[in-house]
Amino acid sequence: MITLKQRLFSNWHFMRIARLVLSVVLLVMSVQDKDLAMGGLGLFFLITTIAGLGCCGPQGCSTPERNAEQMK
């Protein structure tokens, strides 16, 4: 089981950092423009970035590998 601390401080890559920057920009813009919809979108990106999730969860879109025995 992955703990919250492990999830927060591991597996940071370019796309996760880009989502973090995008979420902060959206949240700042939503406060400046007083736009609730943009704030919700920024909050969504922030939560998924911090939790380390994507649209399908961690490795949710990957296909299972088949070994040579299953290929026959």
N, C-alpha and C. Protein backbone atom coordinates (compact mmCIF):
# COMPACT_ATOMS: atom_id res chain seq x y z
N MET A 1 0.83 -1.18 0.00
CA MET A 1 0.00 0.00 0.00
C MET A 1 0.88 1.25 0.00
N ILE A 2 0.60 2.15 -0.90
CA ILE A 2 1.37 3.39 -0.99
C ILE A 2 0.82 4.40 0.01
N THR A 3 1.70 4.96 0.82
CA THR A 3 1.26 5.96 1.78
C THR A 3 1.14 7.31 1.10
N LEU A 4 0.45 8.22 1.75
CA LEU A 4 0.26 9.56 1.20
C LEU A 4 1.59 10.28 1.03
N LYS A 5 2.49 10.10 2.00
CA LYS A 5 3.80 10.75 1.92
C LYS A 5 4.58 10.25 0.71
N GLN A 6 4.55 8.93 0.45
CA GLN A 6 5.23 8.38 -0.72
C GLN A 6 4.63 8.92 -2.01
N ARG A 7 3.31 9.03 -2.06
CA ARG A 7 2.64 9.52 -3.26
C ARG A 7 2.95 10.99 -3.52
N LEU A 8 3.05 11.79 -2.45
CA LEU A 8 3.30 13.21 -2.62
C LEU A 8 4.73 13.52 -3.06
N PHE A 9 5.68 12.76 -2.55
CA PHE A 9 7.08 13.12 -2.77
C PHE A 9 7.81 12.23 -3.76
N SER A 10 7.11 11.39 -4.50
CA SER A 10 7.79 10.54 -5.47
C SER A 10 7.12 10.67 -6.84
N ASN A 11 7.83 10.23 -7.86
CA ASN A 11 7.33 10.16 -9.23
C ASN A 11 6.97 11.52 -9.80
N TRP A 12 7.77 12.54 -9.53
CA TRP A 12 7.56 13.85 -10.14
C TRP A 12 8.26 13.87 -11.48
N HIS A 13 7.51 14.11 -12.53
CA HIS A 13 8.05 14.18 -13.88
C HIS A 13 7.53 15.45 -14.54
N PHE A 14 7.91 15.67 -15.79
CA PHE A 14 7.59 16.93 -16.47
C PHE A 14 6.09 17.20 -16.50
N MET A 15 5.27 16.22 -16.86
CA MET A 15 3.83 16.46 -16.99
C MET A 15 3.19 16.75 -15.63
N ARG A 16 3.66 16.13 -14.59
CA ARG A 16 3.10 16.41 -13.26
C ARG A 16 3.44 17.83 -12.82
N ILE A 17 4.64 18.28 -13.10
CA ILE A 17 5.04 19.65 -12.77
C ILE A 17 4.27 20.63 -13.64
N ALA A 18 4.06 20.30 -14.92
CA ALA A 18 3.30 21.17 -15.81
C ALA A 18 1.85 21.31 -15.35
N ARG A 19 1.25 20.21 -14.88
CA ARG A 19 -0.12 20.28 -14.35
C ARG A 19 -0.18 21.12 -13.08
N LEU A 20 0.86 21.05 -12.25
CA LEU A 20 0.91 21.86 -11.05
C LEU A 20 0.96 23.35 -11.40
N VAL A 21 1.82 23.70 -12.35
CA VAL A 21 1.93 25.09 -12.78
C VAL A 21 0.61 25.55 -13.40
N LEU A 22 -0.01 24.73 -14.24
CA LEU A 22 -1.28 25.08 -14.86
C LEU A 22 -2.36 25.29 -13.80
N SER A 23 -2.41 24.43 -12.81
CA SER A 23 -3.44 24.57 -11.79
C SER A 23 -3.24 25.85 -10.97
N VAL A 24 -2.01 26.19 -10.65
CA VAL A 24 -1.76 27.42 -9.89
C VAL A 24 -2.13 28.64 -10.73
N VAL A 25 -1.79 28.63 -12.01
CA VAL A 25 -2.15 29.74 -12.90
C VAL A 25 -3.66 29.88 -12.99
N LEU A 26 -4.38 28.77 -13.16
CA LEU A 26 -5.83 28.82 -13.25
C LEU A 26 -6.46 29.33 -11.95
N LEU A 27 -5.93 28.90 -10.82
CA LEU A 27 -6.47 29.36 -9.54
C LEU A 27 -6.23 30.85 -9.33
N VAL A 28 -5.06 31.34 -9.68
CA VAL A 28 -4.77 32.78 -9.56
C VAL A 28 -5.66 33.58 -10.49
N MET A 29 -5.81 33.11 -11.74
CA MET A 29 -6.67 33.82 -12.69
C MET A 29 -8.13 33.81 -12.24
N SER A 30 -8.56 32.71 -11.64
CA SER A 30 -9.96 32.64 -11.20
C SER A 30 -10.23 33.60 -10.04
N VAL A 31 -9.25 33.80 -9.18
CA VAL A 31 -9.41 34.76 -8.09
C VAL A 31 -9.44 36.18 -8.64
N GLN A 32 -8.55 36.46 -9.60
CA GLN A 32 -8.50 37.80 -10.19
C GLN A 32 -9.78 38.13 -10.96
N ASP A 33 -10.29 37.16 -11.71
CA ASP A 33 -11.48 37.38 -12.53
C ASP A 33 -12.79 37.05 -11.80
N LYS A 34 -12.69 36.52 -10.60
CA LYS A 34 -13.85 36.09 -9.82
C LYS A 34 -14.70 35.10 -10.63
N ASP A 35 -14.01 34.11 -11.21
CA ASP A 35 -14.65 33.11 -12.06
C ASP A 35 -14.65 31.76 -11.34
N LEU A 36 -15.83 31.31 -10.97
CA LEU A 36 -15.95 30.07 -10.20
C LEU A 36 -15.64 28.83 -11.04
N ALA A 37 -16.03 28.83 -12.32
CA ALA A 37 -15.79 27.67 -13.18
C ALA A 37 -14.28 27.45 -13.39
N MET A 38 -13.56 28.52 -13.62
CA MET A 38 -12.11 28.40 -13.80
C MET A 38 -11.45 27.96 -12.50
N GLY A 39 -11.98 28.40 -11.38
CA GLY A 39 -11.46 27.98 -10.09
C GLY A 39 -11.68 26.50 -9.85
N GLY A 40 -12.84 25.99 -10.28
CA GLY A 40 -13.11 24.56 -10.16
C GLY A 40 -12.18 23.73 -11.01
N LEU A 41 -11.90 24.20 -12.21
CA LEU A 41 -10.97 23.50 -13.09
C LEU A 41 -9.55 23.52 -12.51
N GLY A 42 -9.15 24.66 -11.98
CA GLY A 42 -7.83 24.76 -11.35
C GLY A 42 -7.73 23.86 -10.13
N LEU A 43 -8.80 23.79 -9.36
CA LEU A 43 -8.81 22.91 -8.19
C LEU A 43 -8.75 21.44 -8.58
N PHE A 44 -9.45 21.08 -9.66
CA PHE A 44 -9.39 19.71 -10.17
C PHE A 44 -7.97 19.34 -10.56
N PHE A 45 -7.30 20.20 -11.32
CA PHE A 45 -5.92 19.93 -11.73
C PHE A 45 -5.00 19.86 -10.51
N LEU A 46 -5.23 20.71 -9.53
CA LEU A 46 -4.38 20.70 -8.34
C LEU A 46 -4.54 19.40 -7.55
N ILE A 47 -5.76 18.94 -7.37
CA ILE A 47 -6.00 17.71 -6.62
C ILE A 47 -5.41 16.50 -7.35
N THR A 48 -5.61 16.42 -8.67
CA THR A 48 -5.07 15.27 -9.41
C THR A 48 -3.55 15.30 -9.44
N THR A 49 -2.96 16.50 -9.46
CA THR A 49 -1.50 16.60 -9.46
C THR A 49 -0.93 16.19 -8.11
N ILE A 50 -1.50 16.69 -7.04
CA ILE A 50 -0.99 16.36 -5.71
C ILE A 50 -1.17 14.88 -5.41
N ALA A 51 -2.31 14.32 -5.82
CA ALA A 51 -2.57 12.91 -5.56
C ALA A 51 -1.80 12.00 -6.51
N GLY A 52 -1.22 12.55 -7.56
CA GLY A 52 -0.46 11.73 -8.51
C GLY A 52 -1.37 10.89 -9.40
N LEU A 53 -2.56 11.38 -9.68
CA LEU A 53 -3.52 10.66 -10.50
C LEU A 53 -3.65 11.31 -11.86
N GLY A 54 -4.09 10.51 -12.80
CA GLY A 54 -4.44 11.03 -14.11
C GLY A 54 -5.91 10.77 -14.34
N CYS A 55 -6.32 10.78 -15.57
CA CYS A 55 -7.73 10.55 -15.85
C CYS A 55 -8.13 9.11 -15.53
N CYS A 56 -7.20 8.20 -15.61
CA CYS A 56 -7.50 6.78 -15.36
C CYS A 56 -6.85 6.26 -14.09
N GLY A 57 -6.23 7.09 -13.32
CA GLY A 57 -5.50 6.62 -12.15
C GLY A 57 -4.08 6.25 -12.55
N PRO A 58 -3.25 5.89 -11.59
CA PRO A 58 -1.87 5.55 -11.93
C PRO A 58 -1.80 4.28 -12.77
N GLN A 59 -1.26 4.39 -13.94
CA GLN A 59 -1.09 3.31 -14.92
C GLN A 59 -2.42 2.65 -15.28
N GLY A 60 -3.48 3.42 -15.26
CA GLY A 60 -4.80 2.88 -15.57
C GLY A 60 -5.02 2.64 -17.05
N CYS A 61 -4.28 3.32 -17.89
CA CYS A 61 -4.47 3.20 -19.33
C CYS A 61 -3.48 2.24 -19.99
N SER A 62 -2.62 1.63 -19.20
CA SER A 62 -1.64 0.71 -19.78
C SER A 62 -2.29 -0.65 -20.06
N THR A 63 -1.74 -1.34 -21.03
CA THR A 63 -2.25 -2.67 -21.37
C THR A 63 -1.40 -3.72 -20.68
N PRO A 64 -1.97 -4.83 -20.29
CA PRO A 64 -1.18 -5.87 -19.61
C PRO A 64 -0.21 -6.54 -20.58
N GLU A 65 0.95 -6.89 -20.08
CA GLU A 65 1.94 -7.58 -20.90
C GLU A 65 1.62 -9.06 -20.96
N ARG A 66 1.83 -9.64 -22.13
CA ARG A 66 1.61 -11.08 -22.28
C ARG A 66 2.96 -11.75 -22.50
N ASN A 67 3.14 -12.88 -21.88
CA ASN A 67 4.41 -13.58 -22.06
C ASN A 67 4.29 -14.53 -23.26
N ALA A 68 5.38 -15.18 -23.61
CA ALA A 68 5.44 -16.04 -24.80
C ALA A 68 4.47 -17.21 -24.70
N GLU A 69 4.21 -17.69 -23.50
CA GLU A 69 3.30 -18.81 -23.31
C GLU A 69 1.86 -18.44 -23.66
N GLN A 70 1.47 -17.23 -23.35
CA GLN A 70 0.11 -16.76 -23.64
C GLN A 70 -0.06 -16.43 -25.11
N MET A 71 1.03 -16.22 -25.84
CA MET A 71 0.96 -15.85 -27.25
C MET A 71 0.62 -17.05 -28.14
N LYS A 72 0.81 -18.28 -27.65
CA LYS A 72 0.59 -19.49 -28.46
C LYS A 72 -0.87 -19.80 -28.60
